[in-house]
Protein backbone atom coordinates (compact mmCIF):
# COMPACT_ATOMS: atom_id res chain seq x y z
CA UNK A 1 0.00 0.00 0.00
CA UNK A 2 1.25 3.55 -0.68
CA UNK A 3 2.41 5.48 2.39
CA UNK A 4 2.18 9.26 2.20
CA UNK A 5 1.86 10.33 5.83
CA UNK A 6 4.16 8.69 8.36
CA UNK A 7 3.55 8.96 12.10
CA UNK A 8 6.16 8.63 14.84
CA UNK A 9 5.23 8.21 18.51
CA UNK A 10 8.03 9.47 20.71
CA UNK A 11 10.34 12.41 19.96
CA UNK A 12 13.36 11.09 21.82
CA UNK A 13 16.67 9.87 20.42
CA UNK A 14 15.13 7.08 18.34
CA UNK A 15 11.90 8.84 17.40
CA UNK A 16 13.47 12.01 16.05
CA UNK A 17 15.96 9.93 14.05
CA UNK A 18 13.15 7.90 12.50
CA UNK A 19 11.23 11.10 11.73
CA UNK A 20 14.33 12.58 10.06
CA UNK A 21 14.94 9.63 7.72
CA UNK A 22 11.24 9.43 6.84
CA UNK A 23 11.06 13.13 5.99
CA UNK A 24 14.33 12.92 4.06
CA UNK A 25 12.81 10.15 1.93
CA UNK A 26 9.97 12.50 0.93
CA UNK A 27 7.19 11.46 3.33
CA UNK A 28 5.06 13.86 5.32
CA UNK A 29 5.79 13.17 8.99
CA UNK A 30 3.88 13.72 12.21
CA UNK A 31 6.07 13.34 15.30
CA UNK A 32 4.14 13.04 18.55
CA UNK A 33 5.04 13.09 22.23
CA UNK A 34 3.26 13.74 25.51
CA UNK A 35 4.56 17.30 26.06
CA UNK A 36 5.43 20.29 23.90
CA UNK A 37 8.95 20.46 25.36
CA UNK A 38 9.69 16.92 24.18
CA UNK A 39 8.60 17.46 20.58
CA UNK A 40 10.35 20.84 20.51
CA UNK A 41 13.56 19.21 21.71
CA UNK A 42 13.21 16.46 19.10
CA UNK A 43 12.59 18.96 16.29
CA UNK A 44 15.54 21.04 17.45
CA UNK A 45 17.79 17.98 17.34
CA UNK A 46 16.70 17.18 13.76
CA UNK A 47 17.38 20.79 12.76
CA UNK A 48 20.84 20.62 14.35
CA UNK A 49 21.74 17.40 12.49
CA UNK A 50 20.49 18.77 9.15
CA UNK A 51 22.40 22.03 9.67
CA UNK A 52 25.54 20.01 10.28
CA UNK A 53 24.89 18.12 7.04
CA UNK A 54 24.62 21.44 5.20
CA UNK A 55 27.98 22.52 6.65
CA UNK A 56 29.51 19.24 5.46
CA UNK A 57 27.91 19.83 2.02
CA UNK A 58 25.97 16.56 2.23
CA UNK A 59 22.72 18.45 1.55
CA UNK A 60 21.85 21.98 0.44
CA UNK A 61 20.12 24.62 2.53
CA UNK A 62 17.07 24.21 0.27
CA UNK A 63 16.99 20.47 0.91
CA UNK A 64 17.27 21.05 4.65
CA UNK A 65 14.30 23.45 4.59
CA UNK A 66 12.27 21.03 2.46
CA UNK A 67 12.90 18.19 4.92
CA UNK A 68 11.94 20.33 7.91
CA UNK A 69 8.86 21.51 6.02
CA UNK A 70 7.63 17.91 5.84
CA UNK A 71 7.83 17.43 9.64
CA UNK A 72 4.88 18.43 11.81
CA UNK A 73 4.94 18.14 15.61
CA UNK A 74 2.03 17.08 17.77
CA UNK A 75 1.09 16.45 21.39
CA UNK A 76 -2.37 15.16 20.47
CA UNK A 77 -2.42 11.47 19.57
CA UNK A 78 -5.73 11.98 17.76
CA UNK A 79 -3.78 13.65 14.93
CA UNK A 80 -2.49 10.20 13.97
CA UNK A 81 -5.87 9.70 12.29
CA UNK A 82 -4.31 11.08 9.11
CA UNK A 83 -1.31 8.69 9.11
CA UNK A 84 -1.02 5.70 6.78
CA UNK A 85 1.82 4.13 8.77
CA UNK A 86 2.80 4.74 12.40
CA UNK A 87 5.98 3.71 14.21
CA UNK A 88 5.90 3.69 17.99
CA UNK A 89 9.27 4.61 19.54
CA UNK A 90 8.27 5.13 23.16
CA UNK A 91 10.09 3.96 26.27
CA UNK A 92 10.74 0.20 26.49
CA UNK A 93 7.93 -0.60 28.94
CA UNK A 94 5.14 -2.98 28.04
CA UNK A 95 2.32 -1.14 29.79
CA UNK A 96 3.15 2.12 27.97
CA UNK A 97 3.44 0.46 24.56
CA UNK A 98 0.25 -1.54 25.11
CA UNK A 99 -1.75 1.61 25.87
CA UNK A 100 -0.32 3.43 22.84
CA UNK A 101 -1.35 0.58 20.54
CA UNK A 102 -4.83 0.41 22.04
CA UNK A 103 -5.20 4.14 21.41
CA UNK A 104 -3.74 3.98 17.89
CA UNK A 105 -6.06 1.11 17.00
CA UNK A 106 -9.01 3.31 17.91
CA UNK A 107 -7.66 6.48 16.26
CA UNK A 108 -6.05 5.31 13.01
CA UNK A 109 -7.89 4.42 9.82
CA UNK A 110 -8.53 0.67 9.40
CA UNK A 111 -5.88 0.26 6.69
CA UNK A 112 -3.11 1.98 8.66
CA UNK A 113 -0.11 -0.16 9.62
CA UNK A 114 1.04 0.07 13.23
CA UNK A 115 4.73 -0.68 13.75
CA UNK A 116 6.81 -0.79 16.90
CA UNK A 117 10.48 0.05 17.32
CA UNK A 118 10.66 -2.18 20.39
CA UNK A 119 14.08 -3.64 21.13
CA UNK A 120 12.82 -6.92 22.55
CA UNK A 121 9.11 -7.11 23.44
CA UNK A 122 7.32 -9.81 21.39
CA UNK A 123 5.36 -8.37 18.46
CA UNK A 124 2.49 -10.81 18.98
CA UNK A 125 1.99 -9.55 22.52
CA UNK A 126 1.77 -5.96 21.25
CA UNK A 127 -0.49 -6.93 18.32
CA UNK A 128 -2.91 -8.61 20.74
CA UNK A 129 -3.73 -5.16 22.16
CA UNK A 130 -5.36 -4.22 18.85
CA UNK A 131 -8.19 -5.38 16.61
CA UNK A 132 -5.83 -5.44 13.61
CA UNK A 133 -3.02 -7.90 14.48
CA UNK A 134 -2.46 -8.50 10.76
CA UNK A 135 -1.37 -4.86 10.44
CA UNK A 136 1.04 -4.83 13.41
CA UNK A 137 4.76 -5.39 12.81
CA UNK A 138 8.17 -4.75 14.32
CA UNK A 139 10.37 -2.14 12.64
CA UNK A 140 13.49 -1.98 14.79
CA UNK A 141 15.90 0.79 13.84
CA UNK A 142 19.46 1.02 15.14
CA UNK A 143 20.87 4.01 17.03
CA UNK A 144 21.73 6.59 15.72
CA UNK A 145 19.00 6.12 13.13
CA UNK A 146 20.26 8.52 10.41
CA UNK A 147 23.68 6.80 10.41
CA UNK A 148 23.00 3.10 11.01
CA UNK A 149 22.00 1.09 7.94
CA UNK A 150 20.14 -1.80 9.56
CA UNK A 151 16.40 -2.16 10.19
CA UNK A 152 15.10 -5.40 11.69
CA UNK A 153 11.64 -6.25 10.32
CA UNK A 154 9.77 -8.63 12.62
CA UNK A 155 6.49 -10.38 11.85
CA UNK A 156 4.07 -11.32 14.57
CA UNK A 157 2.13 -14.56 14.18
CA UNK A 158 -0.74 -12.70 12.52
CA UNK A 159 1.24 -10.14 10.48
CA UNK A 160 0.07 -10.21 6.85
CA UNK A 161 2.32 -10.43 3.81
CA UNK A 162 1.07 -7.02 2.65
CA UNK A 163 2.07 -5.45 5.98
CA UNK A 164 5.48 -7.10 5.78
CA UNK A 165 6.11 -6.03 2.18
CA UNK A 166 5.03 -2.44 2.87
CA UNK A 167 7.34 -2.23 5.89
CA UNK A 168 10.24 -3.82 3.99
CA UNK A 169 9.69 -1.35 1.14
CA UNK A 170 9.70 1.60 3.53
CA UNK A 171 13.03 0.49 5.01
CA UNK A 172 14.48 0.45 1.49
CA UNK A 173 12.91 3.84 0.73
CA UNK A 174 14.66 5.21 3.83
CA UNK A 175 18.00 4.01 2.42
CA UNK A 176 18.26 1.22 4.99
CA UNK A 177 19.11 -2.47 4.68
CA UNK A 178 16.25 -4.55 6.13
CA UNK A 179 16.77 -7.95 7.74
CA UNK A 180 13.91 -10.29 8.66
CA UNK A 181 13.79 -11.64 12.20
CA UNK A 182 11.32 -14.05 13.77
CA UNK A 183 9.29 -13.02 16.79
CA UNK A 184 11.36 -14.23 19.73
CA UNK A 185 12.50 -12.06 22.66
CA UNK A 186 15.35 -9.78 21.59
CA UNK A 187 14.89 -10.75 17.91
CA UNK A 188 18.37 -11.09 16.32
CA UNK A 189 20.28 -7.91 17.21
CA UNK A 190 19.60 -7.71 20.92
CA UNK A 191 19.57 -11.43 21.54
CA UNK A 192 23.24 -11.38 20.51
CA UNK A 193 24.27 -7.86 21.57
CA UNK A 194 22.72 -7.52 25.03
CA UNK A 195 24.20 -10.67 26.59
CA UNK A 196 27.60 -9.41 25.40
CA UNK A 197 27.02 -6.03 27.05
CA UNK A 198 25.70 -7.76 30.18
CA UNK A 199 28.82 -9.95 30.31
CA UNK A 200 31.01 -6.84 29.99
CA UNK A 201 29.17 -5.41 33.00
CA UNK A 202 29.87 -8.67 34.86
CA UNK A 203 33.56 -8.17 34.02
CA UNK A 204 33.39 -4.79 35.78
CA UNK A 205 31.39 -6.33 38.65
CA UNK A 206 33.97 -9.10 39.16
CA UNK A 207 36.97 -6.80 38.72
CA UNK A 208 38.24 -8.57 35.62
CA UNK A 209 39.41 -5.27 34.13
CA UNK A 210 38.89 -1.53 34.17
CA UNK A 211 36.17 0.13 32.10
CA UNK A 212 38.73 1.42 29.63
CA UNK A 213 40.56 -1.90 29.32
CA UNK A 214 37.36 -3.89 28.76
CA UNK A 215 36.27 -1.50 26.02
CA UNK A 216 39.78 -1.42 24.49
CA UNK A 217 39.91 -5.22 24.30
CA UNK A 218 36.61 -5.36 22.40
CA UNK A 219 37.49 -2.46 20.11
CA UNK A 220 40.97 -3.58 19.16
CA UNK A 221 40.66 -7.33 19.67
CA UNK A 222 37.24 -7.80 18.06
CA UNK A 223 37.32 -4.76 15.74
CA UNK A 224 34.18 -3.27 17.28
CA UNK A 225 33.78 0.47 16.59
CA UNK A 226 32.75 1.10 20.20
CA UNK A 227 33.37 -0.82 23.41
CA UNK A 228 30.37 -2.55 25.06
CA UNK A 229 30.33 -0.30 28.13
CA UNK A 230 30.46 2.90 26.08
CA UNK A 231 27.77 1.42 23.84
CA UNK A 232 25.59 0.62 26.86
CA UNK A 233 25.88 4.26 27.94
CA UNK A 234 24.83 5.35 24.44
CA UNK A 235 21.85 2.98 24.34
CA UNK A 236 20.80 3.81 27.92
CA UNK A 237 21.39 1.50 30.86
CA UNK A 238 17.67 1.45 31.63
CA UNK A 239 16.99 0.18 28.11
CA UNK A 240 19.74 -2.43 28.43
CA UNK A 241 18.24 -3.64 31.72
CA UNK A 242 14.72 -3.75 30.25
CA UNK A 243 15.92 -5.86 27.32
CA UNK A 244 17.83 -8.27 29.58
CA UNK A 245 14.73 -8.65 31.75
CA UNK A 246 12.64 -9.39 28.66
CA UNK A 247 15.15 -12.02 27.54
CA UNK A 248 15.29 -13.58 31.01
CA UNK A 249 11.50 -13.59 31.34
CA UNK A 250 11.02 -14.95 27.82
CA UNK A 251 13.53 -17.82 27.99
CA UNK A 252 13.84 -18.47 31.75
CA UNK A 253 17.53 -19.19 31.08
CA UNK A 254 20.07 -18.05 33.66
CA UNK A 255 22.48 -16.89 30.95
CA UNK A 256 20.16 -13.90 30.42
CA UNK A 257 20.09 -12.80 34.08
CA UNK A 258 20.87 -9.06 34.32
CA UNK A 259 24.08 -8.25 36.16
CA UNK A 260 23.35 -6.82 39.65
CA UNK A 261 25.68 -3.90 38.89
CA UNK A 262 23.58 -2.94 35.86
CA UNK A 263 20.45 -2.92 38.01
CA UNK A 264 22.27 -0.93 40.73
CA UNK A 265 23.27 1.79 38.25
CA UNK A 266 19.73 2.07 36.88
CA UNK A 267 18.25 2.29 40.37
CA UNK A 268 20.72 5.09 41.14
CA UNK A 269 19.62 6.98 38.04
CA UNK A 270 22.94 6.44 36.27
CA UNK A 271 21.49 5.74 32.85
CA UNK A 272 24.36 6.71 30.56
CA UNK A 273 24.78 9.64 28.21
CA UNK A 274 21.23 10.92 28.68
CA UNK A 275 21.85 11.54 32.41
CA UNK A 276 25.54 12.48 31.94
CA UNK A 277 26.53 9.51 34.10
CA UNK A 278 26.67 5.79 33.40
CA UNK A 279 29.77 3.66 33.31
CA UNK A 280 31.51 6.83 32.16
CA UNK A 281 30.76 10.45 33.02
CA UNK A 282 29.83 13.00 30.33
CA UNK A 283 30.05 16.77 30.37
């Protein structure tokens, strides 16, 4: 189905990145959040990134203004009634996502596709909150969205072929490389990545090495562009903990148990870059 108006729920780090790539591809975008300050901050971040791209001569000033002209901000979820395709990029908590999908199911036109950017929550569980499970799908972008090429596309049990093909086509339209994953906790990316990050936290917890040395070993020894502890700070330690808890709950396997140090940091409010303090401190 043709998609002309693209909705994004959540104007945070992931949401504003998704909105930017959608608008850059030529779609009209509505980016929604619960408060004006959040959508204003998200729009400001997009403007900053596009301005930097103009300075680097990746785009022209005219192209920047055209992209921004296709982005509308909203704090009223009812405005999603005009969207053909909506991606939810809210906080990684089931109860919040469930309520958003119940509301979107009521608000959006019957043919609209409802996608989630969840990192680990089963798509079928989210789809069950709606009366259109055939039109619910996972569309998991990587952070930072404008830079990272991958999009995981995840079918729920009831996801239709049309919904899948439309979502796959959008990923290509956005200049991304889609990969299909089956609906198991963590999908592909986080089922592999998060246990590695969690094990790096255990290395800190057990005093195996310093923060810097653990990250250096993985960067230079495994050719990773960023060490696992620095990456955890970028992702958000609260998100890392939520994904590990989803994996542990979904598989009941002790190898997915979250490290107590990770939980301790989250409880202390040390969430990484977004709070200026995680495993590292940020000014």
